Amino acid sequence: MTITFKELREIKDKLPDGTMHAMANELGVTVETVRNYFGGEHYKLGDSVGLHIEPGPQGGIVVLDDTSILDKAREMLAKTQTA
């Protein structure tokens, strides 16, 4: 899947406090891995997540090998917006 880096960061920025921990717990990964997915660079504590960034407008294009974290983030956003 491809998405702009700006779009990816906007999704991250809309997530309520504590969501990173909740996603990590539900998906069985570290919090740092979730943060890396959204552009963090905490590879000593978290894993690489198959995120490839090509430079360009709006922060560039991000190619995601696995969308499970993005899907979970969107699911959690949808729950907060309907609550």
C-alpha atoms as a PDB file:
ATOM      1  CA  MET A   1       0.000   0.000   0.000  1.00  0.00           C
ATOM      2  CA  THR A   2       1.164   3.545  -0.630  1.00  0.00           C
ATOM      3  CA  ILE A   3       0.316   6.646   1.397  1.00  0.00           C
ATOM      4  CA  THR A   4       1.981  10.035   1.761  1.00  0.00           C
ATOM      5  CA  PHE A   5       4.115  10.555   4.839  1.00  0.00           C
ATOM      6  CA  LYS A   6       1.903  13.544   5.664  1.00  0.00           C
ATOM      7  CA  GLU A   7      -1.231  11.360   5.635  1.00  0.00           C
ATOM      8  CA  LEU A   8       0.457   8.759   7.821  1.00  0.00           C
ATOM      9  CA  ARG A   9       1.505  11.396  10.361  1.00  0.00           C
ATOM     10  CA  GLU A  10      -1.984  12.965  10.338  1.00  0.00           C
ATOM     11  CA  ILE A  11      -3.472   9.600  11.288  1.00  0.00           C
ATOM     12  CA  LYS A  12      -0.915   9.223  14.083  1.00  0.00           C
ATOM     13  CA  ASP A  13      -1.577  12.754  15.344  1.00  0.00           C
ATOM     14  CA  LYS A  14      -5.337  12.109  15.571  1.00  0.00           C
ATOM     15  CA  LEU A  15      -4.902   9.051  17.790  1.00  0.00           C
ATOM     16  CA  PRO A  16      -5.889   9.578  21.430  1.00  0.00           C
ATOM     17  CA  ASP A  17      -3.330   9.254  24.228  1.00  0.00           C
ATOM     18  CA  GLY A  18      -2.510   5.650  25.059  1.00  0.00           C
ATOM     19  CA  THR A  19      -3.415   4.340  21.623  1.00  0.00           C
ATOM     20  CA  MET A  20       0.174   3.408  20.758  1.00  0.00           C
ATOM     21  CA  HIS A  21       0.327   1.132  23.814  1.00  0.00           C
ATOM     22  CA  ALA A  22      -3.089  -0.364  23.072  1.00  0.00           C
ATOM     23  CA  MET A  23      -2.139  -1.105  19.457  1.00  0.00           C
ATOM     24  CA  ALA A  24       1.143  -2.666  20.535  1.00  0.00           C
ATOM     25  CA  ASN A  25      -0.640  -4.909  23.047  1.00  0.00           C
ATOM     26  CA  GLU A  26      -3.329  -5.986  20.588  1.00  0.00           C
ATOM     27  CA  LEU A  27      -0.846  -6.691  17.792  1.00  0.00           C
ATOM     28  CA  GLY A  28       1.829  -8.299  19.963  1.00  0.00           C
ATOM     29  CA  VAL A  29       4.594  -5.825  19.109  1.00  0.00           C
ATOM     30  CA  THR A  30       6.523  -3.242  21.117  1.00  0.00           C
ATOM     31  CA  VAL A  31       5.342   0.340  21.464  1.00  0.00           C
ATOM     32  CA  GLU A  32       8.556   1.446  19.744  1.00  0.00           C
ATOM     33  CA  THR A  33       7.679  -0.748  16.750  1.00  0.00           C
ATOM     34  CA  VAL A  34       4.340   1.075  16.463  1.00  0.00           C
ATOM     35  CA  ARG A  35       6.135   4.423  16.727  1.00  0.00           C
ATOM     36  CA  ASN A  36       8.599   3.337  14.022  1.00  0.00           C
ATOM     37  CA  TYR A  37       5.640   2.564  11.775  1.00  0.00           C
ATOM     38  CA  PHE A  38       4.543   6.187  12.013  1.00  0.00           C
ATOM     39  CA  GLY A  39       7.994   7.545  11.199  1.00  0.00           C
ATOM     40  CA  GLY A  40       9.921   7.058  14.433  1.00  0.00           C
ATOM     41  CA  GLU A  41      13.489   5.840  14.428  1.00  0.00           C
ATOM     42  CA  HIS A  42      13.709   3.825  17.648  1.00  0.00           C
ATOM     43  CA  TYR A  43      15.309   0.723  16.165  1.00  0.00           C
ATOM     44  CA  LYS A  44      17.268  -0.191  19.298  1.00  0.00           C
ATOM     45  CA  LEU A  45      13.982  -0.764  21.138  1.00  0.00           C
ATOM     46  CA  GLY A  46      11.560  -1.505  18.292  1.00  0.00           C
ATOM     47  CA  ASP A  47      11.596  -3.432  15.070  1.00  0.00           C
ATOM     48  CA  SER A  48      11.674  -2.279  11.493  1.00  0.00           C
ATOM     49  CA  VAL A  49       8.183  -2.476  10.070  1.00  0.00           C
ATOM     50  CA  GLY A  50       8.526  -2.723   6.297  1.00  0.00           C
ATOM     51  CA  LEU A  51       8.141   0.989   5.751  1.00  0.00           C
ATOM     52  CA  HIS A  52       9.877   2.466   2.722  1.00  0.00           C
ATOM     53  CA  ILE A  53       9.913   6.244   2.166  1.00  0.00           C
ATOM     54  CA  GLU A  54      10.541   7.800  -1.225  1.00  0.00           C
ATOM     55  CA  PRO A  55      11.337  11.549  -1.056  1.00  0.00           C
ATOM     56  CA  GLY A  56       8.782  13.892  -2.550  1.00  0.00           C
ATOM     57  CA  PRO A  57       6.018  16.378  -1.807  1.00  0.00           C
ATOM     58  CA  GLN A  58       4.089  16.081   1.484  1.00  0.00           C
ATOM     59  CA  GLY A  59       7.003  14.265   3.112  1.00  0.00           C
ATOM     60  CA  GLY A  60       7.280  11.747   0.326  1.00  0.00           C
ATOM     61  CA  ILE A  61       5.517   8.533  -0.517  1.00  0.00           C
ATOM     62  CA  VAL A  62       5.485   5.717   2.025  1.00  0.00           C
ATOM     63  CA  VAL A  63       5.196   2.140   0.822  1.00  0.00           C
ATOM     64  CA  LEU A  64       3.909  -0.192   3.540  1.00  0.00           C
ATOM     65  CA  ASP A  65       4.625  -3.916   3.282  1.00  0.00           C
ATOM     66  CA  ASP A  66       2.167  -4.710   6.085  1.00  0.00           C
ATOM     67  CA  THR A  67      -0.860  -2.556   6.859  1.00  0.00           C
ATOM     68  CA  SER A  68      -1.881  -4.216  10.149  1.00  0.00           C
ATOM     69  CA  ILE A  69      -0.764  -1.260  12.306  1.00  0.00           C
ATOM     70  CA  LEU A  70      -2.377   1.270   9.963  1.00  0.00           C
ATOM     71  CA  ASP A  71      -5.572  -0.805   9.869  1.00  0.00           C
ATOM     72  CA  LYS A  72      -5.645  -0.957  13.677  1.00  0.00           C
ATOM     73  CA  ALA A  73      -5.050   2.803  13.917  1.00  0.00           C
ATOM     74  CA  ARG A  74      -7.929   3.500  11.528  1.00  0.00           C
ATOM     75  CA  GLU A  75     -10.157   1.110  13.478  1.00  0.00           C
ATOM     76  CA  MET A  76      -9.343   2.876  16.740  1.00  0.00           C
ATOM     77  CA  LEU A  77      -9.928   6.285  15.166  1.00  0.00           C
ATOM     78  CA  ALA A  78     -13.321   5.176  13.904  1.00  0.00           C
ATOM     79  CA  LYS A  79     -14.275   4.039  17.422  1.00  0.00           C
ATOM     80  CA  THR A  80     -13.291   7.379  18.961  1.00  0.00           C
ATOM     81  CA  GLN A  81     -15.154   9.355  16.315  1.00  0.00           C
ATOM     82  CA  THR A  82     -18.403   7.439  16.850  1.00  0.00           C
ATOM     83  CA  ALA A  83     -18.187   7.534  20.641  1.00  0.00           C
END
